[in-house]
Amino acid sequence: MSPIRIAIVGLGKIARDQHLPAIAGNDAFTLAATVSPRGTPLEGVPNFRSLEELLQSDTPVDAVALCTPPQVRYDLAALALSKGVHTFLEKPPGATLAEVAVLSDQADASGASLFASWHSRYAAGVAPAKAWLAGRKIKSAKIIWREDVRVWHPGQDWIWESDGLGVFDPGINALSIATHILPRPFFLKGATLTIPENRQAPIAADLSFTDTNGAPIHMDLDWRQTGPQSWDIIVETDAGALKLAKGGAVLTLPDGSDEVHKDEEYPGLYARFAQLVKDGRSDVDIAPLRLVADAFLRGKREATEAFVE
């Protein structure tokens, strides 16, 4: 099978740090083009100012990876799918649940593969955590996702808009892991969203969930953490406590044993995308985004001091 000719749309930090190395390291892909109206293009790779310009050109592409902010992703994905181009969506897959559902239907109709990617599910500890929790009785769970927004999202004003998710941009990574490893579905019971007086999206959030057997799940999100950062999930079971740390990279089981492996999140995503294209299938899981939408639907708002970067 010939390599999948893929174009990256949006040459920001995530594309340069993660997507480009993952594509370069996977023989199933070849980088055919980039789309970026601004910034420095890649040497030796055709660059276009818009996806429409690329698709009207003589540069052939089989797939696109959309690395833009979610607010503008629907139109790009719809255009790509209308041309039968396989489409990889960075997380979150869209700005709304409805637009992702429309894209899923469009992918089915076009025959192109659509992949709503959740990179944290491919962290080293996640698959063994899921396997260990299968069949266990879950007593409770805690999700602690605290980081410094100035370190991880410098100058990204879009993330503070009403549709930019705020602290749920990293928080949705935790939910993508929790919805994957916990053996039963869970849903929101209550939430408090803390929003700076000069912004439209939350800088912190406190959420209470319950699974379908009544086990409580508490989530603590905060973008004001300095010093050591916290990306932890602790699950109390009938066989003891399981802990995922460092965003899912480190798994600690009740016997105290640790598993630490090399970061393979984005290589894992691209391996999955290649398989979907080969099989003619799509993978569009909206469970993490649905929980975030519920937080905005049901959560109480409280104001806090202005955030100035």
C-alpha atoms as a PDB file:
ATOM      1  CA  MET A   1       0.000   0.000   0.000  1.00  0.00           C
ATOM      2  CA  SER A   2       1.349   3.413  -0.969  1.00  0.00           C
ATOM      3  CA  PRO A   3       1.954   5.904   1.861  1.00  0.00           C
ATOM      4  CA  ILE A   4      -0.980   8.117   2.775  1.00  0.00           C
ATOM      5  CA  ARG A   5      -0.262  11.605   1.459  1.00  0.00           C
ATOM      6  CA  ILE A   6      -1.208  13.849   4.351  1.00  0.00           C
ATOM      7  CA  ALA A   7      -1.360  17.624   4.768  1.00  0.00           C
ATOM      8  CA  ILE A   8      -1.190  19.448   8.092  1.00  0.00           C
ATOM      9  CA  VAL A   9      -3.615  22.356   8.402  1.00  0.00           C
ATOM     10  CA  GLY A  10      -2.408  24.831  11.030  1.00  0.00           C
ATOM     11  CA  LEU A  11       1.329  24.986  11.765  1.00  0.00           C
ATOM     12  CA  GLY A  12       1.141  25.969  15.418  1.00  0.00           C
ATOM     13  CA  LYS A  13       2.922  24.551  18.440  1.00  0.00           C
ATOM     14  CA  ILE A  14       1.024  21.263  18.591  1.00  0.00           C
ATOM     15  CA  ALA A  15       1.643  20.572  14.900  1.00  0.00           C
ATOM     16  CA  ARG A  16       5.371  21.253  15.150  1.00  0.00           C
ATOM     17  CA  ASP A  17       5.908  19.538  18.505  1.00  0.00           C
ATOM     18  CA  GLN A  18       3.765  16.442  17.978  1.00  0.00           C
ATOM     19  CA  HIS A  19       2.223  15.925  14.543  1.00  0.00           C
ATOM     20  CA  LEU A  20       5.291  16.474  12.386  1.00  0.00           C
ATOM     21  CA  PRO A  21       7.527  14.049  14.351  1.00  0.00           C
ATOM     22  CA  ALA A  22       4.737  11.440  14.481  1.00  0.00           C
ATOM     23  CA  ILE A  23       4.199  11.631  10.716  1.00  0.00           C
ATOM     24  CA  ALA A  24       7.944  11.489  10.053  1.00  0.00           C
ATOM     25  CA  GLY A  25       8.206   8.384  12.229  1.00  0.00           C
ATOM     26  CA  ASN A  26       5.391   6.443  10.540  1.00  0.00           C
ATOM     27  CA  ASP A  27       6.050   4.806   7.179  1.00  0.00           C
ATOM     28  CA  ALA A  28       2.306   4.717   6.489  1.00  0.00           C
ATOM     29  CA  PHE A  29       2.380   8.493   5.866  1.00  0.00           C
ATOM     30  CA  THR A  30       4.225  11.000   3.774  1.00  0.00           C
ATOM     31  CA  LEU A  31       3.897  14.745   4.410  1.00  0.00           C
ATOM     32  CA  ALA A  32       2.527  16.137   1.148  1.00  0.00           C
ATOM     33  CA  ALA A  33       1.759  19.750   2.100  1.00  0.00           C
ATOM     34  CA  THR A  34       1.032  22.237   4.845  1.00  0.00           C
ATOM     35  CA  VAL A  35      -1.653  24.889   5.124  1.00  0.00           C
ATOM     36  CA  SER A  36      -0.728  28.017   7.047  1.00  0.00           C
ATOM     37  CA  PRO A  37      -1.568  31.622   6.185  1.00  0.00           C
ATOM     38  CA  ARG A  38       1.123  32.827   8.591  1.00  0.00           C
ATOM     39  CA  GLY A  39       4.361  31.601  10.051  1.00  0.00           C
ATOM     40  CA  THR A  40       7.403  29.955   8.539  1.00  0.00           C
ATOM     41  CA  PRO A  41       6.690  27.154   6.065  1.00  0.00           C
ATOM     42  CA  LEU A  42       8.668  23.905   6.139  1.00  0.00           C
ATOM     43  CA  GLU A  43      11.620  23.634   3.826  1.00  0.00           C
ATOM     44  CA  GLY A  44      10.875  21.454   0.819  1.00  0.00           C
ATOM     45  CA  VAL A  45       7.176  21.064   1.614  1.00  0.00           C
ATOM     46  CA  PRO A  46       4.528  22.955  -0.420  1.00  0.00           C
ATOM     47  CA  ASN A  47       2.603  25.437   1.721  1.00  0.00           C
ATOM     48  CA  PHE A  48      -0.802  26.885   0.917  1.00  0.00           C
ATOM     49  CA  ARG A  49      -2.635  29.811   2.455  1.00  0.00           C
ATOM     50  CA  SER A  50      -5.931  27.913   2.716  1.00  0.00           C
ATOM     51  CA  LEU A  51      -7.245  24.359   2.519  1.00  0.00           C
ATOM     52  CA  GLU A  52      -9.382  25.356  -0.443  1.00  0.00           C
ATOM     53  CA  GLU A  53      -6.250  26.533  -2.267  1.00  0.00           C
ATOM     54  CA  LEU A  54      -4.552  23.203  -1.546  1.00  0.00           C
ATOM     55  CA  LEU A  55      -7.487  21.108  -2.729  1.00  0.00           C
ATOM     56  CA  GLN A  56      -7.709  23.126  -5.953  1.00  0.00           C
ATOM     57  CA  SER A  57      -3.984  22.713  -6.641  1.00  0.00           C
ATOM     58  CA  ASP A  58      -2.052  19.975  -8.436  1.00  0.00           C
ATOM     59  CA  THR A  59      -0.648  18.709  -5.107  1.00  0.00           C
ATOM     60  CA  PRO A  60      -2.399  15.394  -4.381  1.00  0.00           C
ATOM     61  CA  VAL A  61      -3.458  14.639  -0.798  1.00  0.00           C
ATOM     62  CA  ASP A  62      -5.285  11.658   0.649  1.00  0.00           C
ATOM     63  CA  ALA A  63      -5.719  12.972   4.191  1.00  0.00           C
ATOM     64  CA  VAL A  64      -5.536  16.098   6.318  1.00  0.00           C
ATOM     65  CA  ALA A  65      -4.713  16.624   9.981  1.00  0.00           C
ATOM     66  CA  LEU A  66      -6.607  19.640  11.317  1.00  0.00           C
ATOM     67  CA  CYS A  67      -4.492  21.322  14.003  1.00  0.00           C
ATOM     68  CA  THR A  68      -6.420  24.592  14.129  1.00  0.00           C
ATOM     69  CA  PRO A  69      -8.412  25.893  17.098  1.00  0.00           C
ATOM     70  CA  PRO A  70     -11.782  24.076  17.302  1.00  0.00           C
ATOM     71  CA  GLN A  71     -13.805  27.192  16.496  1.00  0.00           C
ATOM     72  CA  VAL A  72     -12.836  27.061  12.811  1.00  0.00           C
ATOM     73  CA  ARG A  73     -12.481  23.318  12.364  1.00  0.00           C
ATOM     74  CA  TYR A  74     -15.973  22.427  11.128  1.00  0.00           C
ATOM     75  CA  ASP A  75     -15.736  24.256   7.797  1.00  0.00           C
ATOM     76  CA  LEU A  76     -12.300  22.766   7.135  1.00  0.00           C
ATOM     77  CA  ALA A  77     -13.406  19.235   7.952  1.00  0.00           C
ATOM     78  CA  ALA A  78     -16.600  19.552   5.920  1.00  0.00           C
ATOM     79  CA  LEU A  79     -14.605  20.753   2.910  1.00  0.00           C
ATOM     80  CA  ALA A  80     -12.096  17.918   3.190  1.00  0.00           C
ATOM     81  CA  LEU A  81     -14.779  15.249   3.564  1.00  0.00           C
ATOM     82  CA  SER A  82     -16.729  16.642   0.625  1.00  0.00           C
ATOM     83  CA  LYS A  83     -13.660  15.868  -1.500  1.00  0.00           C
ATOM     84  CA  GLY A  84     -13.325  12.359  -0.066  1.00  0.00           C
ATOM     85  CA  VAL A  85     -10.233  13.294   1.947  1.00  0.00           C
ATOM     86  CA  HIS A  86      -9.632  11.356   5.175  1.00  0.00           C
ATOM     87  CA  THR A  87      -9.720  13.729   8.149  1.00  0.00           C
ATOM     88  CA  PHE A  88      -7.873  13.694  11.478  1.00  0.00           C
ATOM     89  CA  LEU A  89      -9.327  16.061  14.086  1.00  0.00           C
ATOM     90  CA  GLU A  90      -7.136  17.366  16.906  1.00  0.00           C
ATOM     91  CA  LYS A  91      -8.863  17.397  20.267  1.00  0.00           C
ATOM     92  CA  PRO A  92     -11.467  18.575  20.967  1.00  0.00           C
ATOM     93  CA  PRO A  93     -13.029  17.391  17.701  1.00  0.00           C
ATOM     94  CA  GLY A  94     -15.178  20.498  17.323  1.00  0.00           C
ATOM     95  CA  ALA A  95     -16.690  23.534  18.982  1.00  0.00           C
ATOM     96  CA  THR A  96     -20.089  21.845  19.445  1.00  0.00           C
ATOM     97  CA  LEU A  97     -21.524  18.359  19.685  1.00  0.00           C
ATOM     98  CA  ALA A  98     -23.918  18.994  16.824  1.00  0.00           C
ATOM     99  CA  GLU A  99     -21.228  19.902  14.316  1.00  0.00           C
ATOM    100  CA  VAL A 100     -19.237  16.759  15.149  1.00  0.00           C
ATOM    101  CA  ALA A 101     -22.372  14.665  14.593  1.00  0.00           C
ATOM    102  CA  VAL A 102     -22.864  16.320  11.200  1.00  0.00           C
ATOM    103  CA  LEU A 103     -19.252  15.597  10.256  1.00  0.00           C
ATOM    104  CA  SER A 104     -19.641  11.972  11.300  1.00  0.00           C
ATOM    105  CA  ASP A 105     -22.673  11.582   9.033  1.00  0.00           C
ATOM    106  CA  GLN A 106     -20.828  13.326   6.209  1.00  0.00           C
ATOM    107  CA  ALA A 107     -17.852  10.975   6.582  1.00  0.00           C
ATOM    108  CA  ASP A 108     -20.173   7.960   6.389  1.00  0.00           C
ATOM    109  CA  ALA A 109     -21.747   9.335   3.227  1.00  0.00           C
ATOM    110  CA  SER A 110     -18.427  10.209   1.579  1.00  0.00           C
ATOM    111  CA  GLY A 111     -16.582   7.006   2.373  1.00  0.00           C
ATOM    112  CA  ALA A 112     -13.713   8.958   3.894  1.00  0.00           C
ATOM    113  CA  SER A 113     -12.407   8.119   7.373  1.00  0.00           C
ATOM    114  CA  LEU A 114     -12.972  10.609  10.198  1.00  0.00           C
ATOM    115  CA  PHE A 115     -10.876  10.339  13.357  1.00  0.00           C
ATOM    116  CA  ALA A 116     -11.735  12.316  16.499  1.00  0.00           C
ATOM    117  CA  SER A 117      -8.405  11.950  18.263  1.00  0.00           C
ATOM    118  CA  TRP A 118      -7.827  11.860  22.035  1.00  0.00           C
ATOM    119  CA  HIS A 119      -4.068  11.784  22.495  1.00  0.00           C
ATOM    120  CA  SER A 120      -4.092  11.158  26.255  1.00  0.00           C
ATOM    121  CA  ARG A 121      -5.739   7.769  25.705  1.00  0.00           C
ATOM    122  CA  TYR A 122      -2.465   6.683  24.132  1.00  0.00           C
ATOM    123  CA  ALA A 123      -0.340   7.551  27.171  1.00  0.00           C
ATOM    124  CA  ALA A 124       1.692   4.562  28.312  1.00  0.00           C
ATOM    125  CA  GLY A 125      -0.258   3.748  31.478  1.00  0.00           C
ATOM    126  CA  VAL A 126      -3.772   4.018  30.081  1.00  0.00           C
ATOM    127  CA  ALA A 127      -4.190   0.643  28.350  1.00  0.00           C
ATOM    128  CA  PRO A 128      -2.879  -1.387  31.315  1.00  0.00           C
ATOM    129  CA  ALA A 129      -5.012   0.716  33.689  1.00  0.00           C
ATOM    130  CA  LYS A 130      -8.113  -0.066  31.621  1.00  0.00           C
ATOM    131  CA  ALA A 131      -7.282  -3.767  31.632  1.00  0.00           C
ATOM    132  CA  TRP A 132      -6.676  -3.825  35.414  1.00  0.00           C
ATOM    133  CA  LEU A 133      -9.944  -1.986  36.180  1.00  0.00           C
ATOM    134  CA  ALA A 134     -12.090  -4.233  33.981  1.00  0.00           C
ATOM    135  CA  GLY A 135     -14.470  -6.132  36.213  1.00  0.00           C
ATOM    136  CA  ARG A 136     -13.359  -4.373  39.424  1.00  0.00           C
ATOM    137  CA  LYS A 137     -15.830  -2.746  41.763  1.00  0.00           C
ATOM    138  CA  ILE A 138     -15.231   0.996  41.616  1.00  0.00           C
ATOM    139  CA  LYS A 139     -15.728   2.711  44.966  1.00  0.00           C
ATOM    140  CA  SER A 140     -14.748   6.257  43.958  1.00  0.00           C
ATOM    141  CA  ALA A 141     -12.413   8.228  41.738  1.00  0.00           C
ATOM    142  CA  LYS A 142     -10.574  11.549  41.873  1.00  0.00           C
ATOM    143  CA  ILE A 143      -9.249  13.552  38.939  1.00  0.00           C
ATOM    144  CA  ILE A 144      -6.744  16.307  39.768  1.00  0.00           C
ATOM    145  CA  TRP A 145      -5.649  18.280  36.714  1.00  0.00           C
ATOM    146  CA  ARG A 146      -3.794  21.433  37.790  1.00  0.00           C
ATOM    147  CA  GLU A 147      -1.325  23.313  35.614  1.00  0.00           C
ATOM    148  CA  ASP A 148       0.040  26.780  34.874  1.00  0.00           C
ATOM    149  CA  VAL A 149      -1.758  28.294  31.896  1.00  0.00           C
ATOM    150  CA  ARG A 150       1.088  30.767  31.370  1.00  0.00           C
ATOM    151  CA  VAL A 151       3.460  27.870  30.734  1.00  0.00           C
ATOM    152  CA  TRP A 152       1.258  25.670  28.570  1.00  0.00           C
ATOM    153  CA  HIS A 153      -0.891  28.162  26.652  1.00  0.00           C
ATOM    154  CA  PRO A 154       1.090  31.401  26.299  1.00  0.00           C
ATOM    155  CA  GLY A 155      -0.523  34.031  24.084  1.00  0.00           C
ATOM    156  CA  GLN A 156      -3.461  31.821  23.082  1.00  0.00           C
ATOM    157  CA  ASP A 157      -6.292  34.315  23.401  1.00  0.00           C
ATOM    158  CA  TRP A 158      -8.720  32.057  21.526  1.00  0.00           C
ATOM    159  CA  ILE A 159      -8.714  29.632  24.438  1.00  0.00           C
ATOM    160  CA  TRP A 160     -10.349  32.266  26.671  1.00  0.00           C
ATOM    161  CA  GLU A 161     -13.287  32.875  24.320  1.00  0.00           C
ATOM    162  CA  SER A 162     -16.723  31.433  25.108  1.00  0.00           C
ATOM    163  CA  ASP A 163     -16.104  28.554  22.703  1.00  0.00           C
ATOM    164  CA  GLY A 164     -12.448  28.091  23.595  1.00  0.00           C
ATOM    165  CA  LEU A 165     -13.114  25.783  26.599  1.00  0.00           C
ATOM    166  CA  GLY A 166     -10.716  27.519  29.013  1.00  0.00           C
ATOM    167  CA  VAL A 167      -9.431  25.076  31.637  1.00  0.00           C
ATOM    168  CA  PHE A 168     -11.427  22.319  29.959  1.00  0.00           C
ATOM    169  CA  ASP A 169      -8.916  22.355  27.096  1.00  0.00           C
ATOM    170  CA  PRO A 170      -6.528  20.312  29.262  1.00  0.00           C
ATOM    171  CA  GLY A 171      -9.366  18.974  31.414  1.00  0.00           C
ATOM    172  CA  ILE A 172     -10.908  17.176  28.460  1.00  0.00           C
ATOM    173  CA  ASN A 173      -7.703  15.120  28.264  1.00  0.00           C
ATOM    174  CA  ALA A 174      -8.439  13.780  31.746  1.00  0.00           C
ATOM    175  CA  LEU A 175     -12.016  13.018  30.751  1.00  0.00           C
ATOM    176  CA  SER A 176     -10.813  11.219  27.637  1.00  0.00           C
ATOM    177  CA  ILE A 177      -8.815   8.897  29.908  1.00  0.00           C
ATOM    178  CA  ALA A 178     -11.546   8.465  32.525  1.00  0.00           C
ATOM    179  CA  THR A 179     -14.259   7.633  29.979  1.00  0.00           C
ATOM    180  CA  HIS A 180     -11.885   5.075  28.473  1.00  0.00           C
ATOM    181  CA  ILE A 181     -10.617   3.262  31.580  1.00  0.00           C
ATOM    182  CA  LEU A 182     -13.607   3.245  33.935  1.00  0.00           C
ATOM    183  CA  PRO A 183     -15.759   0.155  33.378  1.00  0.00           C
ATOM    184  CA  ARG A 184     -19.111   1.975  33.655  1.00  0.00           C
ATOM    185  CA  PRO A 185     -20.412   5.213  32.124  1.00  0.00           C
ATOM    186  CA  PHE A 186     -20.624   8.270  34.366  1.00  0.00           C
ATOM    187  CA  PHE A 187     -22.479  11.552  34.240  1.00  0.00           C
ATOM    188  CA  LEU A 188     -22.449  15.012  35.801  1.00  0.00           C
ATOM    189  CA  LYS A 189     -24.285  15.778  39.034  1.00  0.00           C
ATOM    190  CA  GLY A 190     -23.019  19.311  39.668  1.00  0.00           C
ATOM    191  CA  ALA A 191     -20.270  21.775  38.794  1.00  0.00           C
ATOM    192  CA  THR A 192     -18.862  25.183  39.661  1.00  0.00           C
ATOM    193  CA  LEU A 193     -17.009  27.090  36.950  1.00  0.00           C
ATOM    194  CA  THR A 194     -14.675  29.891  38.067  1.00  0.00           C
ATOM    195  CA  ILE A 195     -14.352  32.563  35.370  1.00  0.00           C
ATOM    196  CA  PRO A 196     -12.018  35.597  35.421  1.00  0.00           C
ATOM    197  CA  GLU A 197     -13.950  38.852  35.215  1.00  0.00           C
ATOM    198  CA  ASN A 198     -12.158  39.806  31.979  1.00  0.00           C
ATOM    199  CA  ARG A 199     -12.573  36.421  30.251  1.00  0.00           C
ATOM    200  CA  GLN A 200     -15.405  34.260  28.934  1.00  0.00           C
ATOM    201  CA  ALA A 201     -14.051  30.788  29.736  1.00  0.00           C
ATOM    202  CA  PRO A 202     -13.221  29.249  33.127  1.00  0.00           C
ATOM    203  CA  ILE A 203      -9.796  29.274  34.730  1.00  0.00           C
ATOM    204  CA  ALA A 204     -10.877  26.596  37.229  1.00  0.00           C
ATOM    205  CA  ALA A 205     -13.705  24.114  37.704  1.00  0.00           C
ATOM    206  CA  ASP A 206     -14.942  21.753  40.409  1.00  0.00           C
ATOM    207  CA  LEU A 207     -17.114  18.900  39.157  1.00  0.00           C
ATOM    208  CA  SER A 208     -19.016  16.015  40.708  1.00  0.00           C
ATOM    209  CA  PHE A 209     -19.942  12.956  38.653  1.00  0.00           C
ATOM    210  CA  THR A 210     -21.469   9.587  39.474  1.00  0.00           C
ATOM    211  CA  ASP A 211     -21.228   6.338  37.567  1.00  0.00           C
ATOM    212  CA  THR A 212     -24.217   4.133  36.817  1.00  0.00           C
ATOM    213  CA  ASN A 213     -23.609   2.137  40.013  1.00  0.00           C
ATOM    214  CA  GLY A 214     -23.507   5.291  42.146  1.00  0.00           C
ATOM    215  CA  ALA A 215     -19.740   5.555  42.635  1.00  0.00           C
ATOM    216  CA  PRO A 216     -18.749   9.232  43.111  1.00  0.00           C
ATOM    217  CA  ILE A 217     -16.146  10.816  40.843  1.00  0.00           C
ATOM    218  CA  HIS A 218     -14.682  14.209  41.758  1.00  0.00           C
ATOM    219  CA  MET A 219     -12.761  16.407  39.307  1.00  0.00           C
ATOM    220  CA  ASP A 220     -10.554  19.368  40.274  1.00  0.00           C
ATOM    221  CA  LEU A 221      -9.355  21.555  37.392  1.00  0.00           C
ATOM    222  CA  ASP A 222      -7.212  24.654  37.877  1.00  0.00           C
ATOM    223  CA  TRP A 223      -5.020  26.710  35.573  1.00  0.00           C
ATOM    224  CA  ARG A 224      -3.407  28.701  38.387  1.00  0.00           C
ATOM    225  CA  GLN A 225      -0.994  26.019  39.582  1.00  0.00           C
ATOM    226  CA  THR A 226       2.648  27.055  39.882  1.00  0.00           C
ATOM    227  CA  GLY A 227       5.578  24.813  40.680  1.00  0.00           C
ATOM    228  CA  PRO A 228       4.996  21.067  40.187  1.00  0.00           C
ATOM    229  CA  GLN A 229       2.071  20.338  37.866  1.00  0.00           C
ATOM    230  CA  SER A 230      -0.627  17.757  38.628  1.00  0.00           C
ATOM    231  CA  TRP A 231      -2.188  15.439  36.070  1.00  0.00           C
ATOM    232  CA  ASP A 232      -3.458  12.582  38.226  1.00  0.00           C
ATOM    233  CA  ILE A 233      -6.348  10.110  38.302  1.00  0.00           C
ATOM    234  CA  ILE A 234      -6.861   7.955  41.422  1.00  0.00           C
ATOM    235  CA  VAL A 235      -9.416   5.135  41.346  1.00  0.00           C
ATOM    236  CA  GLU A 236     -10.404   3.389  44.590  1.00  0.00           C
ATOM    237  CA  THR A 237     -11.526  -0.200  44.005  1.00  0.00           C
ATOM    238  CA  ASP A 238     -12.337  -3.346  45.933  1.00  0.00           C
ATOM    239  CA  ALA A 239      -8.749  -4.429  45.240  1.00  0.00           C
ATOM    240  CA  GLY A 240      -7.073  -1.184  46.320  1.00  0.00           C
ATOM    241  CA  ALA A 241      -6.181   2.128  44.692  1.00  0.00           C
ATOM    242  CA  LEU A 242      -4.916   2.570  41.150  1.00  0.00           C
ATOM    243  CA  LYS A 243      -3.152   5.820  40.244  1.00  0.00           C
ATOM    244  CA  LEU A 244      -2.332   7.316  36.880  1.00  0.00           C
ATOM    245  CA  ALA A 245       0.132  10.214  37.095  1.00  0.00           C
ATOM    246  CA  LYS A 246       1.815  12.577  34.637  1.00  0.00           C
ATOM    247  CA  GLY A 247      -1.201  12.612  32.351  1.00  0.00           C
ATOM    248  CA  GLY A 248      -1.414   8.831  32.133  1.00  0.00           C
ATOM    249  CA  ALA A 249       2.281   8.128  31.558  1.00  0.00           C
ATOM    250  CA  VAL A 250       2.901   6.547  34.976  1.00  0.00           C
ATOM    251  CA  LEU A 251       0.692   3.783  36.371  1.00  0.00           C
ATOM    252  CA  THR A 252       0.905   2.739  40.019  1.00  0.00           C
ATOM    253  CA  LEU A 253      -0.996  -0.373  41.106  1.00  0.00           C
ATOM    254  CA  PRO A 254      -2.102  -1.227  44.670  1.00  0.00           C
ATOM    255  CA  ASP A 255       1.013  -3.353  45.244  1.00  0.00           C
ATOM    256  CA  GLY A 256       3.117  -0.221  44.745  1.00  0.00           C
ATOM    257  CA  SER A 257       4.584  -1.244  41.393  1.00  0.00           C
ATOM    258  CA  ASP A 258       5.138   1.523  38.877  1.00  0.00           C
ATOM    259  CA  GLU A 259       5.147   1.369  35.098  1.00  0.00           C
ATOM    260  CA  VAL A 260       6.867   4.199  33.231  1.00  0.00           C
ATOM    261  CA  HIS A 261       7.278   4.090  29.484  1.00  0.00           C
ATOM    262  CA  LYS A 262       8.292   6.343  26.623  1.00  0.00           C
ATOM    263  CA  ASP A 263       5.737   8.915  25.447  1.00  0.00           C
ATOM    264  CA  GLU A 264       3.979   7.355  22.451  1.00  0.00           C
ATOM    265  CA  GLU A 265       0.773   9.384  22.390  1.00  0.00           C
ATOM    266  CA  TYR A 266       0.961  10.918  18.921  1.00  0.00           C
ATOM    267  CA  PRO A 267       2.680   7.934  17.280  1.00  0.00           C
ATOM    268  CA  GLY A 268      -0.220   5.907  18.673  1.00  0.00           C
ATOM    269  CA  LEU A 269      -2.749   8.309  17.204  1.00  0.00           C
ATOM    270  CA  TYR A 270      -1.192   8.126  13.755  1.00  0.00           C
ATOM    271  CA  ALA A 271      -0.983   4.335  13.886  1.00  0.00           C
ATOM    272  CA  ARG A 272      -4.702   4.315  14.683  1.00  0.00           C
ATOM    273  CA  PHE A 273      -5.493   6.774  11.873  1.00  0.00           C
ATOM    274  CA  ALA A 274      -3.549   4.692   9.352  1.00  0.00           C
ATOM    275  CA  GLN A 275      -5.495   1.588  10.372  1.00  0.00           C
ATOM    276  CA  LEU A 276      -8.827   3.413  10.063  1.00  0.00           C
ATOM    277  CA  VAL A 277      -7.939   4.585   6.561  1.00  0.00           C
ATOM    278  CA  LYS A 278      -6.832   1.080   5.591  1.00  0.00           C
ATOM    279  CA  ASP A 279     -10.048  -0.458   6.936  1.00  0.00           C
ATOM    280  CA  GLY A 280     -12.344   2.251   5.549  1.00  0.00           C
ATOM    281  CA  ARG A 281     -13.724   3.085   8.998  1.00  0.00           C
ATOM    282  CA  SER A 282     -14.168   6.124  11.249  1.00  0.00           C
ATOM    283  CA  ASP A 283     -13.675   6.631  14.994  1.00  0.00           C
ATOM    284  CA  VAL A 284     -15.703   9.519  16.386  1.00  0.00           C
ATOM    285  CA  ASP A 285     -16.079   9.210  20.164  1.00  0.00           C
ATOM    286  CA  ILE A 286     -17.729  12.306  21.640  1.00  0.00           C
ATOM    287  CA  ALA A 287     -18.001  11.108  25.266  1.00  0.00           C
ATOM    288  CA  PRO A 288     -15.359  13.515  26.669  1.00  0.00           C
ATOM    289  CA  LEU A 289     -16.801  16.500  24.801  1.00  0.00           C
ATOM    290  CA  ARG A 290     -20.330  15.587  25.926  1.00  0.00           C
ATOM    291  CA  LEU A 291     -19.258  15.754  29.585  1.00  0.00           C
ATOM    292  CA  VAL A 292     -17.660  19.159  29.046  1.00  0.00           C
ATOM    293  CA  ALA A 293     -20.836  20.395  27.345  1.00  0.00           C
ATOM    294  CA  ASP A 294     -22.829  19.156  30.344  1.00  0.00           C
ATOM    295  CA  ALA A 295     -20.533  21.141  32.659  1.00  0.00           C
ATOM    296  CA  PHE A 296     -21.336  24.340  30.780  1.00  0.00           C
ATOM    297  CA  LEU A 297     -25.023  23.392  30.658  1.00  0.00           C
ATOM    298  CA  ARG A 298     -25.395  22.561  34.334  1.00  0.00           C
ATOM    299  CA  GLY A 299     -22.511  24.304  36.089  1.00  0.00           C
ATOM    300  CA  LYS A 300     -22.803  27.331  38.359  1.00  0.00           C
ATOM    301  CA  ARG A 301     -20.679  30.348  37.407  1.00  0.00           C
ATOM    302  CA  GLU A 302     -18.612  32.313  39.892  1.00  0.00           C
ATOM    303  CA  ALA A 303     -16.425  35.300  39.054  1.00  0.00           C
ATOM    304  CA  THR A 304     -12.826  35.703  40.106  1.00  0.00           C
ATOM    305  CA  GLU A 305     -10.145  38.341  39.613  1.00  0.00           C
ATOM    306  CA  ALA A 306      -9.087  39.301  36.112  1.00  0.00           C
ATOM    307  CA  PHE A 307      -6.472  37.147  34.414  1.00  0.00           C
ATOM    308  CA  VAL A 308      -3.634  39.085  32.814  1.00  0.00           C
ATOM    309  CA  GLU A 309      -0.900  37.130  31.101  1.00  0.00           C
END
